[in-house]
Amino acid sequence: MLAAQGLYKFYGSVPAVQNVTFTLEPGQVLGYLGPNGSGKSTTVKMLIGLLEPTDGQVTHNGQNIHKDLAAYRKRLGYVPEEANLYPYPCSNFFHFGRTATSRSALIPRACASAFCSSPL
């Protein structure tokens, strides 16, 4: 079960998310709708542990996700709004190449010749 309990997120004195509360049981789907700037992305970032709420908590199976964030993240799948994590494709390949293989010395050379030298 995933639960958001009284989530608030403030940036200074500006509220981004105010009092979001819900519970999801296994197999349930949640639609989270709102206009631009209403806090949807900020809420998702709190749900996956990228942001800590100003107040409230996110729990998974009754445990606060920040108690063991690494274990919680191993159970997640997340597709961000922007598919690129870094501003240049080469940076993405370098990062993922380093995490996916122990032969990381080969990644910068391959990346440089295939991507970094040609505009995309």
PDB file of N, CA and C in Angstrom:
ATOM      1  N   MET A   1       0.836  -1.169   0.000  1.00  0.00           N
ATOM      2  CA  MET A   1       0.000   0.000   0.000  1.00  0.00           C
ATOM      3  C   MET A   1       0.891   1.245   0.000  1.00  0.00           C
ATOM      4  N   LEU A   2       0.512   2.231  -0.814  1.00  0.00           N
ATOM      5  CA  LEU A   2       1.197   3.514  -0.863  1.00  0.00           C
ATOM      6  C   LEU A   2       0.241   4.565  -0.324  1.00  0.00           C
ATOM      7  N   ALA A   3       0.717   5.384   0.602  1.00  0.00           N
ATOM      8  CA  ALA A   3      -0.148   6.404   1.192  1.00  0.00           C
ATOM      9  C   ALA A   3       0.578   7.734   1.265  1.00  0.00           C
ATOM     10  N   ALA A   4      -0.151   8.776   0.919  1.00  0.00           N
ATOM     11  CA  ALA A   4       0.302  10.157   1.124  1.00  0.00           C
ATOM     12  C   ALA A   4      -0.581  10.711   2.230  1.00  0.00           C
ATOM     13  N   GLN A   5       0.044  11.243   3.247  1.00  0.00           N
ATOM     14  CA  GLN A   5      -0.714  11.709   4.406  1.00  0.00           C
ATOM     15  C   GLN A   5      -0.384  13.171   4.698  1.00  0.00           C
ATOM     16  N   GLY A   6      -1.309  14.045   4.339  1.00  0.00           N
ATOM     17  CA  GLY A   6      -1.161  15.467   4.634  1.00  0.00           C
ATOM     18  C   GLY A   6       0.076  16.096   4.050  1.00  0.00           C
ATOM     19  N   LEU A   7       0.368  15.807   2.778  1.00  0.00           N
ATOM     20  CA  LEU A   7       1.581  16.346   2.163  1.00  0.00           C
ATOM     21  C   LEU A   7       1.459  17.838   1.880  1.00  0.00           C
ATOM     22  N   TYR A   8       2.485  18.558   2.292  1.00  0.00           N
ATOM     23  CA  TYR A   8       2.638  19.977   1.992  1.00  0.00           C
ATOM     24  C   TYR A   8       4.050  20.181   1.472  1.00  0.00           C
ATOM     25  N   LYS A   9       4.191  21.069   0.501  1.00  0.00           N
ATOM     26  CA  LYS A   9       5.512  21.487   0.053  1.00  0.00           C
ATOM     27  C   LYS A   9       5.474  22.984  -0.188  1.00  0.00           C
ATOM     28  N   PHE A  10       6.357  23.685   0.506  1.00  0.00           N
ATOM     29  CA  PHE A  10       6.496  25.131   0.351  1.00  0.00           C
ATOM     30  C   PHE A  10       7.878  25.440  -0.191  1.00  0.00           C
ATOM     31  N   TYR A  11       7.947  26.398  -1.083  1.00  0.00           N
ATOM     32  CA  TYR A  11       9.216  26.970  -1.531  1.00  0.00           C
ATOM     33  C   TYR A  11       9.245  28.382  -0.967  1.00  0.00           C
ATOM     34  N   GLY A  12       9.964  28.543   0.140  1.00  0.00           N
ATOM     35  CA  GLY A  12       9.886  29.793   0.888  1.00  0.00           C
ATOM     36  C   GLY A  12       8.500  29.885   1.492  1.00  0.00           C
ATOM     37  N   SER A  13       7.789  30.949   1.170  1.00  0.00           N
ATOM     38  CA  SER A  13       6.414  31.082   1.673  1.00  0.00           C
ATOM     39  C   SER A  13       5.375  30.698   0.623  1.00  0.00           C
ATOM     40  N   VAL A  14       5.842  30.243  -0.543  1.00  0.00           N
ATOM     41  CA  VAL A  14       4.937  29.911  -1.645  1.00  0.00           C
ATOM     42  C   VAL A  14       4.538  28.429  -1.558  1.00  0.00           C
ATOM     43  N   PRO A  15       3.248  28.144  -1.421  1.00  0.00           N
ATOM     44  CA  PRO A  15       2.815  26.745  -1.358  1.00  0.00           C
ATOM     45  C   PRO A  15       2.793  26.112  -2.763  1.00  0.00           C
ATOM     46  N   ALA A  16       3.386  24.943  -2.889  1.00  0.00           N
ATOM     47  CA  ALA A  16       3.335  24.191  -4.141  1.00  0.00           C
ATOM     48  C   ALA A  16       2.339  23.042  -4.030  1.00  0.00           C
ATOM     49  N   VAL A  17       2.265  22.440  -2.858  1.00  0.00           N
ATOM     50  CA  VAL A  17       1.341  21.334  -2.589  1.00  0.00           C
ATOM     51  C   VAL A  17       0.748  21.580  -1.204  1.00  0.00           C
ATOM     52  N   GLN A  18      -0.570  21.401  -1.100  1.00  0.00           N
ATOM     53  CA  GLN A  18      -1.227  21.651   0.180  1.00  0.00           C
ATOM     54  C   GLN A  18      -2.183  20.515   0.528  1.00  0.00           C
ATOM     55  N   ASN A  19      -1.883  19.809   1.598  1.00  0.00           N
ATOM     56  CA  ASN A  19      -2.758  18.810   2.201  1.00  0.00           C
ATOM     57  C   ASN A  19      -3.224  17.712   1.236  1.00  0.00           C
ATOM     58  N   VAL A  20      -2.278  17.083   0.550  1.00  0.00           N
ATOM     59  CA  VAL A  20      -2.604  15.958  -0.335  1.00  0.00           C
ATOM     60  C   VAL A  20      -2.606  14.685   0.498  1.00  0.00           C
ATOM     61  N   THR A  21      -3.727  13.972   0.443  1.00  0.00           N
ATOM     62  CA  THR A  21      -3.883  12.730   1.192  1.00  0.00           C
ATOM     63  C   THR A  21      -4.601  11.712   0.326  1.00  0.00           C
ATOM     64  N   PHE A  22      -4.031  10.518   0.211  1.00  0.00           N
ATOM     65  CA  PHE A  22      -4.698   9.414  -0.478  1.00  0.00           C
ATOM     66  C   PHE A  22      -4.022   8.112  -0.086  1.00  0.00           C
ATOM     67  N   THR A  23      -4.706   7.014  -0.356  1.00  0.00           N
ATOM     68  CA  THR A  23      -4.167   5.674  -0.126  1.00  0.00           C
ATOM     69  C   THR A  23      -4.414   4.845  -1.368  1.00  0.00           C
ATOM     70  N   LEU A  24      -3.383   4.138  -1.812  1.00  0.00           N
ATOM     71  CA  LEU A  24      -3.495   3.235  -2.953  1.00  0.00           C
ATOM     72  C   LEU A  24      -3.190   1.815  -2.513  1.00  0.00           C
ATOM     73  N   GLU A  25      -4.113   0.931  -2.775  1.00  0.00           N
ATOM     74  CA  GLU A  25      -3.911  -0.486  -2.509  1.00  0.00           C
ATOM     75  C   GLU A  25      -3.321  -1.130  -3.767  1.00  0.00           C
ATOM     76  N   PRO A  26      -2.665  -2.287  -3.633  1.00  0.00           N
ATOM     77  CA  PRO A  26      -2.131  -2.964  -4.819  1.00  0.00           C
ATOM     78  C   PRO A  26      -3.221  -3.169  -5.879  1.00  0.00           C
ATOM     79  N   GLY A  27      -2.860  -2.855  -7.122  1.00  0.00           N
ATOM     80  CA  GLY A  27      -3.790  -3.026  -8.230  1.00  0.00           C
ATOM     81  C   GLY A  27      -4.626  -1.796  -8.534  1.00  0.00           C
ATOM     82  N   GLN A  28      -4.654  -0.833  -7.635  1.00  0.00           N
ATOM     83  CA  GLN A  28      -5.407   0.391  -7.883  1.00  0.00           C
ATOM     84  C   GLN A  28      -4.593   1.354  -8.740  1.00  0.00           C
ATOM     85  N   VAL A  29      -5.306   2.216  -9.459  1.00  0.00           N
ATOM     86  CA  VAL A  29      -4.686   3.239 -10.297  1.00  0.00           C
ATOM     87  C   VAL A  29      -5.205   4.593  -9.832  1.00  0.00           C
ATOM     88  N   LEU A  30      -4.319   5.571  -9.790  1.00  0.00           N
ATOM     89  CA  LEU A  30      -4.692   6.912  -9.368  1.00  0.00           C
ATOM     90  C   LEU A  30      -4.492   7.875 -10.529  1.00  0.00           C
ATOM     91  N   GLY A  31      -5.505   8.681 -10.819  1.00  0.00           N
ATOM     92  CA  GLY A  31      -5.368   9.777 -11.770  1.00  0.00           C
ATOM     93  C   GLY A  31      -5.198  11.053 -10.970  1.00  0.00           C
ATOM     94  N   TYR A  32      -4.208  11.847 -11.303  1.00  0.00           N
ATOM     95  CA  TYR A  32      -3.908  13.065 -10.553  1.00  0.00           C
ATOM     96  C   TYR A  32      -3.902  14.220 -11.538  1.00  0.00           C
ATOM     97  N   LEU A  33      -5.003  14.958 -11.569  1.00  0.00           N
ATOM     98  CA  LEU A  33      -5.217  15.980 -12.581  1.00  0.00           C
ATOM     99  C   LEU A  33      -5.182  17.375 -11.986  1.00  0.00           C
ATOM    100  N   GLY A  34      -4.785  18.334 -12.799  1.00  0.00           N
ATOM    101  CA  GLY A  34      -4.804  19.731 -12.383  1.00  0.00           C
ATOM    102  C   GLY A  34      -4.128  20.592 -13.420  1.00  0.00           C
ATOM    103  N   PRO A  35      -4.366  21.884 -13.352  1.00  0.00           N
ATOM    104  CA  PRO A  35      -3.747  22.798 -14.318  1.00  0.00           C
ATOM    105  C   PRO A  35      -2.241  22.928 -14.075  1.00  0.00           C
ATOM    106  N   ASN A  36      -1.557  23.541 -15.031  1.00  0.00           N
ATOM    107  CA  ASN A  36      -0.127  23.796 -14.874  1.00  0.00           C
ATOM    108  C   ASN A  36       0.113  24.565 -13.578  1.00  0.00           C
ATOM    109  N   GLY A  37       1.152  24.156 -12.854  1.00  0.00           N
ATOM    110  CA  GLY A  37       1.505  24.852 -11.628  1.00  0.00           C
ATOM    111  C   GLY A  37       0.702  24.463 -10.409  1.00  0.00           C
ATOM    112  N   SER A  38      -0.103  23.406 -10.527  1.00  0.00           N
ATOM    113  CA  SER A  38      -0.952  23.029  -9.390  1.00  0.00           C
ATOM    114  C   SER A  38      -0.280  22.048  -8.422  1.00  0.00           C
ATOM    115  N   GLY A  39       0.953  21.619  -8.710  1.00  0.00           N
ATOM    116  CA  GLY A  39       1.683  20.773  -7.766  1.00  0.00           C
ATOM    117  C   GLY A  39       1.725  19.293  -8.110  1.00  0.00           C
ATOM    118  N   LYS A  40       1.282  18.919  -9.309  1.00  0.00           N
ATOM    119  CA  LYS A  40       1.279  17.491  -9.678  1.00  0.00           C
ATOM    120  C   LYS A  40       2.697  16.915  -9.694  1.00  0.00           C
ATOM    121  N   SER A  41       3.598  17.567 -10.387  1.00  0.00           N
ATOM    122  CA  SER A  41       4.980  17.064 -10.482  1.00  0.00           C
ATOM    123  C   SER A  41       5.671  17.089  -9.132  1.00  0.00           C
ATOM    124  N   THR A  42       5.416  18.120  -8.361  1.00  0.00           N
ATOM    125  CA  THR A  42       6.006  18.199  -7.026  1.00  0.00           C
ATOM    126  C   THR A  42       5.504  17.052  -6.152  1.00  0.00           C
ATOM    127  N   THR A  43       4.224  16.737  -6.256  1.00  0.00           N
ATOM    128  CA  THR A  43       3.665  15.612  -5.498  1.00  0.00           C
ATOM    129  C   THR A  43       4.337  14.311  -5.898  1.00  0.00           C
ATOM    130  N   VAL A  44       4.476  14.086  -7.202  1.00  0.00           N
ATOM    131  CA  VAL A  44       5.119  12.851  -7.679  1.00  0.00           C
ATOM    132  C   VAL A  44       6.556  12.781  -7.175  1.00  0.00           C
ATOM    133  N   LYS A  45       7.264  13.893  -7.197  1.00  0.00           N
ATOM    134  CA  LYS A  45       8.646  13.893  -6.701  1.00  0.00           C
ATOM    135  C   LYS A  45       8.708  13.559  -5.213  1.00  0.00           C
ATOM    136  N   MET A  46       7.712  13.973  -4.464  1.00  0.00           N
ATOM    137  CA  MET A  46       7.665  13.585  -3.050  1.00  0.00           C
ATOM    138  C   MET A  46       7.341  12.095  -2.924  1.00  0.00           C
ATOM    139  N   LEU A  47       6.444  11.595  -3.779  1.00  0.00           N
ATOM    140  CA  LEU A  47       6.059  10.181  -3.714  1.00  0.00           C
ATOM    141  C   LEU A  47       7.222   9.249  -4.027  1.00  0.00           C
ATOM    142  N   ILE A  48       8.138   9.688  -4.880  1.00  0.00           N
ATOM    143  CA  ILE A  48       9.261   8.824  -5.243  1.00  0.00           C
ATOM    144  C   ILE A  48      10.533   9.127  -4.455  1.00  0.00           C
ATOM    145  N   GLY A  49      10.448  10.103  -3.555  1.00  0.00           N
ATOM    146  CA  GLY A  49      11.582  10.382  -2.683  1.00  0.00           C
ATOM    147  C   GLY A  49      12.605  11.348  -3.241  1.00  0.00           C
ATOM    148  N   LEU A  50      12.297  12.043  -4.335  1.00  0.00           N
ATOM    149  CA  LEU A  50      13.220  13.044  -4.853  1.00  0.00           C
ATOM    150  C   LEU A  50      13.138  14.351  -4.070  1.00  0.00           C
ATOM    151  N   LEU A  51      11.994  14.608  -3.466  1.00  0.00           N
ATOM    152  CA  LEU A  51      11.795  15.783  -2.615  1.00  0.00           C
ATOM    153  C   LEU A  51      11.224  15.331  -1.280  1.00  0.00           C
ATOM    154  N   GLU A  52      11.655  15.973  -0.226  1.00  0.00           N
ATOM    155  CA  GLU A  52      11.027  15.723   1.078  1.00  0.00           C
ATOM    156  C   GLU A  52       9.898  16.717   1.262  1.00  0.00           C
ATOM    157  N   PRO A  53       8.765  16.263   1.745  1.00  0.00           N
ATOM    158  CA  PRO A  53       7.678  17.209   2.007  1.00  0.00           C
ATOM    159  C   PRO A  53       8.053  18.189   3.122  1.00  0.00           C
ATOM    160  N   THR A  54       7.503  19.387   3.040  1.00  0.00           N
ATOM    161  CA  THR A  54       7.651  20.344   4.130  1.00  0.00           C
ATOM    162  C   THR A  54       6.931  19.808   5.365  1.00  0.00           C
ATOM    163  N   ASP A  55       5.793  19.166   5.109  1.00  0.00           N
ATOM    164  CA  ASP A  55       5.019  18.539   6.182  1.00  0.00           C
ATOM    165  C   ASP A  55       4.308  17.337   5.598  1.00  0.00           C
ATOM    166  N   GLY A  56       3.917  16.404   6.446  1.00  0.00           N
ATOM    167  CA  GLY A  56       3.255  15.185   6.001  1.00  0.00           C
ATOM    168  C   GLY A  56       4.273  14.098   5.699  1.00  0.00           C
ATOM    169  N   GLN A  57       3.771  12.960   5.235  1.00  0.00           N
ATOM    170  CA  GLN A  57       4.676  11.856   4.925  1.00  0.00           C
ATOM    171  C   GLN A  57       4.106  10.960   3.846  1.00  0.00           C
ATOM    172  N   VAL A  58       5.021  10.247   3.205  1.00  0.00           N
ATOM    173  CA  VAL A  58       4.670   9.207   2.241  1.00  0.00           C
ATOM    174  C   VAL A  58       5.070   7.889   2.883  1.00  0.00           C
ATOM    175  N   THR A  59       4.135   6.944   2.903  1.00  0.00           N
ATOM    176  CA  THR A  59       4.442   5.628   3.466  1.00  0.00           C
ATOM    177  C   THR A  59       4.200   4.542   2.425  1.00  0.00           C
ATOM    178  N   HIS A  60       5.009   3.511   2.516  1.00  0.00           N
ATOM    179  CA  HIS A  60       4.837   2.315   1.692  1.00  0.00           C
ATOM    180  C   HIS A  60       4.741   1.137   2.644  1.00  0.00           C
ATOM    181  N   ASN A  61       3.625   0.445   2.571  1.00  0.00           N
ATOM    182  CA  ASN A  61       3.355  -0.663   3.502  1.00  0.00           C
ATOM    183  C   ASN A  61       3.521  -0.228   4.957  1.00  0.00           C
ATOM    184  N   GLY A  62       3.061   0.985   5.256  1.00  0.00           N
ATOM    185  CA  GLY A  62       3.049   1.488   6.622  1.00  0.00           C
ATOM    186  C   GLY A  62       4.343   2.106   7.112  1.00  0.00           C
ATOM    187  N   GLN A  63       5.395   2.092   6.289  1.00  0.00           N
ATOM    188  CA  GLN A  63       6.690   2.617   6.717  1.00  0.00           C
ATOM    189  C   GLN A  63       7.020   3.878   5.927  1.00  0.00           C
ATOM    190  N   ASN A  64       7.479   4.906   6.616  1.00  0.00           N
ATOM    191  CA  ASN A  64       7.888   6.134   5.951  1.00  0.00           C
ATOM    192  C   ASN A  64       8.977   5.807   4.933  1.00  0.00           C
ATOM    193  N   ILE A  65       8.808   6.280   3.703  1.00  0.00           N
ATOM    194  CA  ILE A  65       9.757   5.920   2.635  1.00  0.00           C
ATOM    195  C   ILE A  65      11.168   6.417   2.925  1.00  0.00           C
ATOM    196  N   HIS A  66      11.306   7.472   3.706  1.00  0.00           N
ATOM    197  CA  HIS A  66      12.635   8.022   3.988  1.00  0.00           C
ATOM    198  C   HIS A  66      13.387   7.217   5.044  1.00  0.00           C
ATOM    199  N   LYS A  67      12.716   6.267   5.668  1.00  0.00           N
ATOM    200  CA  LYS A  67      13.398   5.399   6.643  1.00  0.00           C
ATOM    201  C   LYS A  67      14.411   4.498   5.935  1.00  0.00           C
ATOM    202  N   ASP A  68      14.054   3.996   4.763  1.00  0.00           N
ATOM    203  CA  ASP A  68      14.975   3.202   3.940  1.00  0.00           C
ATOM    204  C   ASP A  68      14.678   3.512   2.475  1.00  0.00           C
ATOM    205  N   LEU A  69      15.094   4.709   2.060  1.00  0.00           N
ATOM    206  CA  LEU A  69      14.780   5.203   0.723  1.00  0.00           C
ATOM    207  C   LEU A  69      15.377   4.330  -0.369  1.00  0.00           C
ATOM    208  N   ALA A  70      16.564   3.807  -0.166  1.00  0.00           N
ATOM    209  CA  ALA A  70      17.197   2.960  -1.182  1.00  0.00           C
ATOM    210  C   ALA A  70      16.360   1.708  -1.445  1.00  0.00           C
ATOM    211  N   ALA A  71      15.871   1.065  -0.406  1.00  0.00           N
ATOM    212  CA  ALA A  71      15.038  -0.136  -0.579  1.00  0.00           C
ATOM    213  C   ALA A  71      13.721   0.213  -1.259  1.00  0.00           C
ATOM    214  N   TYR A  72      13.133   1.341  -0.894  1.00  0.00           N
ATOM    215  CA  TYR A  72      11.881   1.780  -1.515  1.00  0.00           C
ATOM    216  C   TYR A  72      12.081   2.034  -2.999  1.00  0.00           C
ATOM    217  N   ARG A  73      13.149   2.712  -3.356  1.00  0.00           N
ATOM    218  CA  ARG A  73      13.396   3.033  -4.771  1.00  0.00           C
ATOM    219  C   ARG A  73      13.629   1.794  -5.625  1.00  0.00           C
ATOM    220  N   LYS A  74      14.121   0.731  -5.031  1.00  0.00           N
ATOM    221  CA  LYS A  74      14.310  -0.510  -5.788  1.00  0.00           C
ATOM    222  C   LYS A  74      12.982  -1.102  -6.238  1.00  0.00           C
ATOM    223  N   ARG A  75      11.908  -0.711  -5.591  1.00  0.00           N
ATOM    224  CA  ARG A  75      10.584  -1.240  -5.919  1.00  0.00           C
ATOM    225  C   ARG A  75       9.811  -0.330  -6.871  1.00  0.00           C
ATOM    226  N   LEU A  76      10.394   0.807  -7.244  1.00  0.00           N
ATOM    227  CA  LEU A  76       9.718   1.815  -8.055  1.00  0.00           C
ATOM    228  C   LEU A  76      10.046   1.707  -9.531  1.00  0.00           C
ATOM    229  N   GLY A  77       9.125   2.198 -10.332  1.00  0.00           N
ATOM    230  CA  GLY A  77       9.375   2.518 -11.730  1.00  0.00           C
ATOM    231  C   GLY A  77       8.907   3.948 -11.910  1.00  0.00           C
ATOM    232  N   TYR A  78       9.695   4.771 -12.570  1.00  0.00           N
ATOM    233  CA  TYR A  78       9.358   6.188 -12.717  1.00  0.00           C
ATOM    234  C   TYR A  78       9.761   6.670 -14.103  1.00  0.00           C
ATOM    235  N   VAL A  79       8.820   7.267 -14.805  1.00  0.00           N
ATOM    236  CA  VAL A  79       9.097   7.887 -16.099  1.00  0.00           C
ATOM    237  C   VAL A  79       8.912   9.381 -15.907  1.00  0.00           C
ATOM    238  N   PRO A  80      10.001  10.157 -15.944  1.00  0.00           N
ATOM    239  CA  PRO A  80       9.889  11.590 -15.695  1.00  0.00           C
ATOM    240  C   PRO A  80       9.225  12.327 -16.850  1.00  0.00           C
ATOM    241  N   GLU A  81       8.792  13.567 -16.576  1.00  0.00           N
ATOM    242  CA  GLU A  81       8.210  14.412 -17.624  1.00  0.00           C
ATOM    243  C   GLU A  81       9.165  14.558 -18.796  1.00  0.00           C
ATOM    244  N   GLU A  82      10.407  14.863 -18.481  1.00  0.00           N
ATOM    245  CA  GLU A  82      11.443  15.024 -19.491  1.00  0.00           C
ATOM    246  C   GLU A  82      12.249  13.733 -19.519  1.00  0.00           C
ATOM    247  N   ALA A  83      12.367  13.157 -20.699  1.00  0.00           N
ATOM    248  CA  ALA A  83      13.076  11.889 -20.820  1.00  0.00           C
ATOM    249  C   ALA A  83      14.575  12.050 -20.576  1.00  0.00           C
ATOM    250  N   ASN A  84      15.116  13.232 -20.838  1.00  0.00           N
ATOM    251  CA  ASN A  84      16.554  13.425 -20.648  1.00  0.00           C
ATOM    252  C   ASN A  84      16.854  13.831 -19.210  1.00  0.00           C
ATOM    253  N   LEU A  85      17.849  13.202 -18.648  1.00  0.00           N
ATOM    254  CA  LEU A  85      18.271  13.535 -17.299  1.00  0.00           C
ATOM    255  C   LEU A  85      19.345  14.609 -17.311  1.00  0.00           C
ATOM    256  N   TYR A  86      20.068  14.678 -18.407  1.00  0.00           N
ATOM    257  CA  TYR A  86      21.160  15.626 -18.551  1.00  0.00           C
ATOM    258  C   TYR A  86      20.958  16.393 -19.854  1.00  0.00           C
ATOM    259  N   PRO A  87      21.514  17.579 -19.989  1.00  0.00           N
ATOM    260  CA  PRO A  87      21.223  18.420 -21.145  1.00  0.00           C
ATOM    261  C   PRO A  87      21.756  17.893 -22.474  1.00  0.00           C
ATOM    262  N   TYR A  88      22.744  17.015 -22.460  1.00  0.00           N
ATOM    263  CA  TYR A  88      23.323  16.525 -23.710  1.00  0.00           C
ATOM    264  C   TYR A  88      23.215  15.008 -23.763  1.00  0.00           C
ATOM    265  N   PRO A  89      22.868  14.458 -24.939  1.00  0.00           N
ATOM    266  CA  PRO A  89      22.742  12.996 -25.046  1.00  0.00           C
ATOM    267  C   PRO A  89      23.985  12.266 -24.589  1.00  0.00           C
ATOM    268  N   CYS A  90      25.140  12.832 -24.851  1.00  0.00           N
ATOM    269  CA  CYS A  90      26.387  12.180 -24.456  1.00  0.00           C
ATOM    270  C   CYS A  90      26.436  11.971 -22.949  1.00  0.00           C
ATOM    271  N   SER A  91      25.978  12.945 -22.200  1.00  0.00           N
ATOM    272  CA  SER A  91      25.982  12.823 -20.740  1.00  0.00           C
ATOM    273  C   SER A  91      25.105  11.675 -20.291  1.00  0.00           C
ATOM    274  N   ASN A  92      23.940  11.492 -20.950  1.00  0.00           N
ATOM    275  CA  ASN A  92      23.050  10.389 -20.604  1.00  0.00           C
ATOM    276  C   ASN A  92      23.733   9.055 -20.837  1.00  0.00           C
ATOM    277  N   PHE A  93      24.380   8.898 -21.986  1.00  0.00           N
ATOM    278  CA  PHE A  93      25.023   7.628 -22.285  1.00  0.00           C
ATOM    279  C   PHE A  93      26.174   7.371 -21.330  1.00  0.00           C
ATOM    280  N   PHE A  94      26.912   8.403 -21.003  1.00  0.00           N
ATOM    281  CA  PHE A  94      28.020   8.227 -20.078  1.00  0.00           C
ATOM    282  C   PHE A  94      27.508   7.776 -18.722  1.00  0.00           C
ATOM    283  N   HIS A  95      26.457   8.436 -18.219  1.00  0.00           N
ATOM    284  CA  HIS A  95      25.907   8.067 -16.912  1.00  0.00           C
ATOM    285  C   HIS A  95      25.368   6.643 -16.917  1.00  0.00           C
ATOM    286  N   PHE A  96      24.521   6.323 -17.887  1.00  0.00           N
ATOM    287  CA  PHE A  96      23.916   4.993 -17.907  1.00  0.00           C
ATOM    288  C   PHE A  96      24.940   3.922 -18.222  1.00  0.00           C
ATOM    289  N   GLY A  97      25.904   4.251 -19.045  1.00  0.00           N
ATOM    290  CA  GLY A  97      26.960   3.288 -19.352  1.00  0.00           C
ATOM    291  C   GLY A  97      27.775   2.944 -18.130  1.00  0.00           C
ATOM    292  N   ARG A  98      28.071   3.949 -17.315  1.00  0.00           N
ATOM    293  CA  ARG A  98      28.857   3.707 -16.101  1.00  0.00           C
ATOM    294  C   ARG A  98      28.086   2.869 -15.105  1.00  0.00           C
ATOM    295  N   THR A  99      26.773   3.055 -15.047  1.00  0.00           N
ATOM    296  CA  THR A  99      26.001   2.283 -14.068  1.00  0.00           C
ATOM    297  C   THR A  99      25.672   0.892 -14.577  1.00  0.00           C
ATOM    298  N   ALA A 100      25.673   0.712 -15.890  1.00  0.00           N
ATOM    299  CA  ALA A 100      25.249  -0.568 -16.452  1.00  0.00           C
ATOM    300  C   ALA A 100      26.395  -1.542 -16.667  1.00  0.00           C
ATOM    301  N   THR A 101      27.624  -1.066 -16.654  1.00  0.00           N
ATOM    302  CA  THR A 101      28.736  -1.960 -16.948  1.00  0.00           C
ATOM    303  C   THR A 101      29.941  -1.593 -16.102  1.00  0.00           C
ATOM    304  N   SER A 102      30.773  -2.575 -15.830  1.00  0.00           N
ATOM    305  CA  SER A 102      32.007  -2.284 -15.117  1.00  0.00           C
ATOM    306  C   SER A 102      33.091  -1.849 -16.093  1.00  0.00           C
ATOM    307  N   ARG A 103      32.809  -1.941 -17.378  1.00  0.00           N
ATOM    308  CA  ARG A 103      33.782  -1.539 -18.396  1.00  0.00           C
ATOM    309  C   ARG A 103      33.573  -0.066 -18.748  1.00  0.00           C
ATOM    310  N   SER A 104      33.473   0.773 -17.740  1.00  0.00           N
ATOM    311  CA  SER A 104      33.122   2.176 -17.936  1.00  0.00           C
ATOM    312  C   SER A 104      34.177   2.956 -18.712  1.00  0.00           C
ATOM    313  N   ALA A 105      35.408   2.468 -18.790  1.00  0.00           N
ATOM    314  CA  ALA A 105      36.439   3.187 -19.531  1.00  0.00           C
ATOM    315  C   ALA A 105      36.109   3.245 -21.026  1.00  0.00           C
ATOM    316  N   LEU A 106      35.334   2.289 -21.512  1.00  0.00           N
ATOM    317  CA  LEU A 106      34.986   2.268 -22.931  1.00  0.00           C
ATOM    318  C   LEU A 106      33.887   3.262 -23.278  1.00  0.00           C
ATOM    319  N   ILE A 107      33.079   3.629 -22.321  1.00  0.00           N
ATOM    320  CA  ILE A 107      31.909   4.465 -22.586  1.00  0.00           C
ATOM    321  C   ILE A 107      32.290   5.860 -23.089  1.00  0.00           C
ATOM    322  N   PRO A 108      33.201   6.589 -22.432  1.00  0.00           N
ATOM    323  CA  PRO A 108      33.505   7.935 -22.923  1.00  0.00           C
ATOM    324  C   PRO A 108      34.017   7.951 -24.359  1.00  0.00           C
ATOM    325  N   ARG A 109      34.877   6.981 -24.728  1.00  0.00           N
ATOM    326  CA  ARG A 109      35.394   6.924 -26.097  1.00  0.00           C
ATOM    327  C   ARG A 109      34.288   6.683 -27.092  1.00  0.00           C
ATOM    328  N   ALA A 110      33.433   5.689 -26.814  1.00  0.00           N
ATOM    329  CA  ALA A 110      32.336   5.367 -27.726  1.00  0.00           C
ATOM    330  C   ALA A 110      31.357   6.531 -27.811  1.00  0.00           C
ATOM    331  N   CYS A 111      31.079   7.115 -26.692  1.00  0.00           N
ATOM    332  CA  CYS A 111      30.153   8.238 -26.651  1.00  0.00           C
ATOM    333  C   CYS A 111      30.711   9.416 -27.434  1.00  0.00           C
ATOM    334  N   ALA A 112      31.969   9.719 -27.235  1.00  0.00           N
ATOM    335  CA  ALA A 112      32.574  10.865 -27.908  1.00  0.00           C
ATOM    336  C   ALA A 112      32.563  10.683 -29.417  1.00  0.00           C
ATOM    337  N   SER A 113      32.877   9.489 -29.882  1.00  0.00           N
ATOM    338  CA  SER A 113      32.926   9.301 -31.328  1.00  0.00           C
ATOM    339  C   SER A 113      31.535   9.216 -31.940  1.00  0.00           C
ATOM    340  N   ALA A 114      30.573   8.672 -31.226  1.00  0.00           N
ATOM    341  CA  ALA A 114      29.249   8.463 -31.801  1.00  0.00           C
ATOM    342  C   ALA A 114      28.318   9.658 -31.638  1.00  0.00           C
ATOM    343  N   PHE A 115      28.411  10.353 -30.525  1.00  0.00           N
ATOM    344  CA  PHE A 115      27.417  11.378 -30.230  1.00  0.00           C
ATOM    345  C   PHE A 115      27.967  12.774 -30.033  1.00  0.00           C
ATOM    346  N   CYS A 116      29.044  12.881 -29.281  1.00  0.00           N
ATOM    347  CA  CYS A 116      29.496  14.212 -28.883  1.00  0.00           C
ATOM    348  C   CYS A 116      30.071  15.022 -30.031  1.00  0.00           C
ATOM    349  N   SER A 117      30.547  14.357 -31.053  1.00  0.00           N
ATOM    350  CA  SER A 117      31.158  15.090 -32.146  1.00  0.00           C
ATOM    351  C   SER A 117      30.166  15.480 -33.228  1.00  0.00           C
ATOM    352  N   SER A 118      28.928  14.970 -33.158  1.00  0.00           N
ATOM    353  CA  SER A 118      27.959  15.319 -34.190  1.00  0.00           C
ATOM    354  C   SER A 118      26.712  15.913 -33.555  1.00  0.00           C
ATOM    355  N   PRO A 119      26.170  16.975 -34.179  1.00  0.00           N
ATOM    356  CA  PRO A 119      24.950  17.578 -33.612  1.00  0.00           C
ATOM    357  C   PRO A 119      23.753  16.656 -33.789  1.00  0.00           C
ATOM    358  N   LEU A 120      22.849  16.687 -32.811  1.00  0.00           N
ATOM    359  CA  LEU A 120      21.632  15.865 -32.905  1.00  0.00           C
ATOM    360  C   LEU A 120      20.437  16.733 -33.059  1.00  0.00           C
TER     361      LEU A 120
END
